[in-house]
Amino acid sequence: MSAIVQVDWSQCPLVEVDPEIQSGAPVLAGTRLPVSAIVDNAEYGLSVAEISEQFEVSETQVEAILAYAKGHRVADTVR
């Protein structure tokens, strides 16, 4: 069995979930930017500055999302 790593965004004040925004995917509050885009790009190797520039959000926001994601990972078992 392999595991997919997911993040529990429910307690992050920078993230909102609204079924009318991005089909209910967790997004950076006040935007339509899925937080998964920030995390995925960081895991791909982009720097905080590159992510900030690409998505037009502050470096502080990117750093906070990445720090939260690192500390709130939940492994789900895939069958």
N, C-alpha and C. Protein backbone atom coordinates (compact mmCIF):
# COMPACT_ATOMS: atom_id res chain seq x y z
N MET A 1 0.83 -1.19 0.00
CA MET A 1 0.00 0.00 0.00
C MET A 1 0.87 1.25 0.00
N SER A 2 0.46 2.23 -0.76
CA SER A 2 1.18 3.49 -0.75
C SER A 2 0.37 4.52 0.02
N ALA A 3 0.99 5.63 0.33
CA ALA A 3 0.29 6.68 1.06
C ALA A 3 0.35 7.97 0.27
N ILE A 4 -0.74 8.69 0.26
CA ILE A 4 -0.79 10.03 -0.32
C ILE A 4 -0.78 11.00 0.84
N VAL A 5 0.10 11.96 0.79
CA VAL A 5 0.19 12.93 1.87
C VAL A 5 -0.76 14.08 1.58
N GLN A 6 -1.62 14.38 2.54
CA GLN A 6 -2.55 15.48 2.42
C GLN A 6 -2.35 16.41 3.60
N VAL A 7 -2.88 17.60 3.49
CA VAL A 7 -2.76 18.60 4.55
C VAL A 7 -4.15 18.90 5.10
N ASP A 8 -4.25 18.96 6.43
CA ASP A 8 -5.50 19.37 7.08
C ASP A 8 -5.48 20.89 7.18
N TRP A 9 -6.20 21.55 6.28
CA TRP A 9 -6.21 23.01 6.22
C TRP A 9 -7.27 23.62 7.15
N SER A 10 -8.02 22.82 7.86
CA SER A 10 -9.17 23.30 8.61
C SER A 10 -8.86 24.34 9.68
N GLN A 11 -7.65 24.35 10.20
CA GLN A 11 -7.32 25.31 11.26
C GLN A 11 -6.41 26.44 10.79
N CYS A 12 -6.17 26.52 9.51
CA CYS A 12 -5.27 27.56 9.00
C CYS A 12 -6.06 28.84 8.72
N PRO A 13 -5.74 29.92 9.41
CA PRO A 13 -6.48 31.18 9.22
C PRO A 13 -6.26 31.82 7.85
N LEU A 14 -5.24 31.39 7.12
CA LEU A 14 -4.96 31.95 5.81
C LEU A 14 -5.73 31.25 4.69
N VAL A 15 -6.46 30.19 5.05
CA VAL A 15 -7.14 29.37 4.04
C VAL A 15 -8.64 29.38 4.26
N GLU A 16 -9.36 29.43 3.15
CA GLU A 16 -10.81 29.33 3.22
C GLU A 16 -11.30 28.25 2.25
N VAL A 17 -12.41 27.64 2.61
CA VAL A 17 -13.04 26.64 1.76
C VAL A 17 -14.48 27.08 1.54
N ASP A 18 -14.82 27.28 0.28
CA ASP A 18 -16.15 27.72 -0.10
C ASP A 18 -16.55 26.91 -1.33
N PRO A 19 -17.66 26.19 -1.25
CA PRO A 19 -18.05 25.37 -2.40
C PRO A 19 -18.22 26.16 -3.70
N GLU A 20 -18.37 27.47 -3.59
CA GLU A 20 -18.55 28.31 -4.77
C GLU A 20 -17.23 28.84 -5.34
N ILE A 21 -16.13 28.57 -4.63
CA ILE A 21 -14.82 29.01 -5.09
C ILE A 21 -13.97 27.77 -5.34
N GLN A 22 -13.50 27.62 -6.57
CA GLN A 22 -12.65 26.49 -6.97
C GLN A 22 -13.25 25.15 -6.56
N SER A 23 -14.55 25.04 -6.67
CA SER A 23 -15.28 23.78 -6.35
C SER A 23 -15.03 23.30 -4.93
N GLY A 24 -14.77 24.22 -4.02
CA GLY A 24 -14.59 23.86 -2.63
C GLY A 24 -13.17 23.47 -2.24
N ALA A 25 -12.23 23.62 -3.17
CA ALA A 25 -10.83 23.34 -2.83
C ALA A 25 -10.32 24.42 -1.87
N PRO A 26 -9.44 24.06 -0.94
CA PRO A 26 -8.87 25.08 -0.05
C PRO A 26 -8.10 26.12 -0.86
N VAL A 27 -8.41 27.39 -0.64
CA VAL A 27 -7.75 28.49 -1.34
C VAL A 27 -7.18 29.48 -0.35
N LEU A 28 -6.20 30.25 -0.81
CA LEU A 28 -5.67 31.34 -0.01
C LEU A 28 -6.81 32.34 0.19
N ALA A 29 -7.10 32.67 1.43
CA ALA A 29 -8.23 33.54 1.76
C ALA A 29 -8.20 34.82 0.94
N GLY A 30 -9.37 35.17 0.41
CA GLY A 30 -9.50 36.38 -0.37
C GLY A 30 -9.07 36.24 -1.82
N THR A 31 -8.68 35.02 -2.22
CA THR A 31 -8.24 34.78 -3.59
C THR A 31 -8.95 33.53 -4.13
N ARG A 32 -8.65 33.20 -5.35
CA ARG A 32 -9.12 31.96 -5.95
C ARG A 32 -7.94 30.99 -6.12
N LEU A 33 -6.82 31.28 -5.46
CA LEU A 33 -5.60 30.49 -5.61
C LEU A 33 -5.63 29.26 -4.71
N PRO A 34 -5.71 28.07 -5.29
CA PRO A 34 -5.68 26.86 -4.46
C PRO A 34 -4.33 26.77 -3.74
N VAL A 35 -4.38 26.47 -2.46
CA VAL A 35 -3.12 26.37 -1.71
C VAL A 35 -2.28 25.21 -2.22
N SER A 36 -2.92 24.23 -2.85
CA SER A 36 -2.16 23.12 -3.42
C SER A 36 -1.20 23.61 -4.51
N ALA A 37 -1.55 24.70 -5.21
CA ALA A 37 -0.67 25.24 -6.23
C ALA A 37 0.62 25.78 -5.61
N ILE A 38 0.50 26.39 -4.44
CA ILE A 38 1.68 26.89 -3.73
C ILE A 38 2.54 25.72 -3.28
N VAL A 39 1.92 24.75 -2.63
CA VAL A 39 2.66 23.60 -2.10
C VAL A 39 3.29 22.79 -3.24
N ASP A 40 2.52 22.53 -4.27
CA ASP A 40 3.03 21.74 -5.40
C ASP A 40 4.22 22.42 -6.08
N ASN A 41 4.13 23.73 -6.27
CA ASN A 41 5.24 24.44 -6.89
C ASN A 41 6.48 24.44 -6.02
N ALA A 42 6.30 24.55 -4.72
CA ALA A 42 7.45 24.49 -3.80
C ALA A 42 8.09 23.11 -3.85
N GLU A 43 7.25 22.07 -3.87
CA GLU A 43 7.78 20.70 -3.94
C GLU A 43 8.47 20.45 -5.28
N TYR A 44 8.05 21.15 -6.32
CA TYR A 44 8.67 21.03 -7.63
C TYR A 44 10.03 21.72 -7.67
N GLY A 45 10.25 22.63 -6.70
CA GLY A 45 11.55 23.27 -6.61
C GLY A 45 11.57 24.77 -6.80
N LEU A 46 10.40 25.39 -7.00
CA LEU A 46 10.38 26.84 -7.13
C LEU A 46 10.64 27.49 -5.78
N SER A 47 11.28 28.63 -5.80
CA SER A 47 11.56 29.36 -4.57
C SER A 47 10.32 30.12 -4.12
N VAL A 48 10.35 30.58 -2.88
CA VAL A 48 9.26 31.38 -2.34
C VAL A 48 9.07 32.62 -3.21
N ALA A 49 10.17 33.25 -3.60
CA ALA A 49 10.08 34.46 -4.44
C ALA A 49 9.45 34.15 -5.79
N GLU A 50 9.81 33.02 -6.39
CA GLU A 50 9.23 32.66 -7.69
C GLU A 50 7.73 32.38 -7.58
N ILE A 51 7.34 31.68 -6.52
CA ILE A 51 5.92 31.38 -6.31
C ILE A 51 5.15 32.67 -6.07
N SER A 52 5.72 33.54 -5.25
CA SER A 52 5.10 34.82 -4.95
C SER A 52 4.87 35.63 -6.23
N GLU A 53 5.86 35.68 -7.06
CA GLU A 53 5.77 36.44 -8.31
C GLU A 53 4.78 35.79 -9.28
N GLN A 54 4.86 34.47 -9.40
CA GLN A 54 4.00 33.75 -10.33
C GLN A 54 2.51 33.93 -10.02
N PHE A 55 2.17 33.87 -8.72
CA PHE A 55 0.76 33.93 -8.33
C PHE A 55 0.33 35.29 -7.78
N GLU A 56 1.24 36.24 -7.77
CA GLU A 56 0.95 37.60 -7.32
C GLU A 56 0.39 37.64 -5.89
N VAL A 57 1.07 36.93 -5.00
CA VAL A 57 0.77 36.97 -3.57
C VAL A 57 2.08 37.28 -2.85
N SER A 58 1.99 37.68 -1.60
CA SER A 58 3.20 38.08 -0.89
C SER A 58 4.06 36.87 -0.52
N GLU A 59 5.35 37.12 -0.40
CA GLU A 59 6.26 36.06 0.04
C GLU A 59 5.89 35.59 1.45
N THR A 60 5.40 36.51 2.28
CA THR A 60 4.98 36.16 3.63
C THR A 60 3.84 35.15 3.60
N GLN A 61 2.88 35.36 2.69
CA GLN A 61 1.77 34.42 2.56
C GLN A 61 2.27 33.05 2.10
N VAL A 62 3.15 33.04 1.12
CA VAL A 62 3.70 31.77 0.61
C VAL A 62 4.44 31.05 1.73
N GLU A 63 5.28 31.75 2.45
CA GLU A 63 6.04 31.14 3.55
C GLU A 63 5.10 30.57 4.61
N ALA A 64 4.04 31.31 4.95
CA ALA A 64 3.10 30.86 5.97
C ALA A 64 2.35 29.61 5.52
N ILE A 65 1.93 29.57 4.26
CA ILE A 65 1.23 28.39 3.73
C ILE A 65 2.16 27.18 3.75
N LEU A 66 3.40 27.36 3.33
CA LEU A 66 4.35 26.25 3.31
C LEU A 66 4.67 25.76 4.71
N ALA A 67 4.81 26.68 5.66
CA ALA A 67 5.09 26.28 7.05
C ALA A 67 3.90 25.51 7.62
N TYR A 68 2.70 25.99 7.36
CA TYR A 68 1.51 25.31 7.86
C TYR A 68 1.42 23.91 7.25
N ALA A 69 1.62 23.82 5.94
CA ALA A 69 1.53 22.53 5.25
C ALA A 69 2.53 21.53 5.82
N LYS A 70 3.71 22.00 6.11
CA LYS A 70 4.76 21.12 6.65
C LYS A 70 4.36 20.57 8.01
N GLY A 71 3.68 21.37 8.81
CA GLY A 71 3.34 20.97 10.16
C GLY A 71 2.00 20.27 10.32
N HIS A 72 1.21 20.19 9.25
CA HIS A 72 -0.15 19.64 9.36
C HIS A 72 -0.45 18.59 8.30
N ARG A 73 0.54 17.78 8.01
CA ARG A 73 0.34 16.72 7.00
C ARG A 73 -0.35 15.52 7.62
N VAL A 74 -1.24 14.93 6.82
CA VAL A 74 -1.99 13.75 7.24
C VAL A 74 -1.81 12.72 6.14
N ALA A 75 -1.37 11.52 6.48
CA ALA A 75 -1.20 10.47 5.47
C ALA A 75 -2.49 9.67 5.35
N ASP A 76 -2.94 9.51 4.12
CA ASP A 76 -4.12 8.68 3.81
C ASP A 76 -3.63 7.44 3.09
N THR A 77 -4.11 6.31 3.51
CA THR A 77 -3.73 5.06 2.87
C THR A 77 -4.54 4.87 1.59
N VAL A 78 -3.87 4.53 0.53
CA VAL A 78 -4.51 4.28 -0.76
C VAL A 78 -4.46 2.78 -1.02
N ARG A 79 -5.58 2.23 -1.44
CA ARG A 79 -5.61 0.79 -1.72
C ARG A 79 -5.65 0.50 -3.19
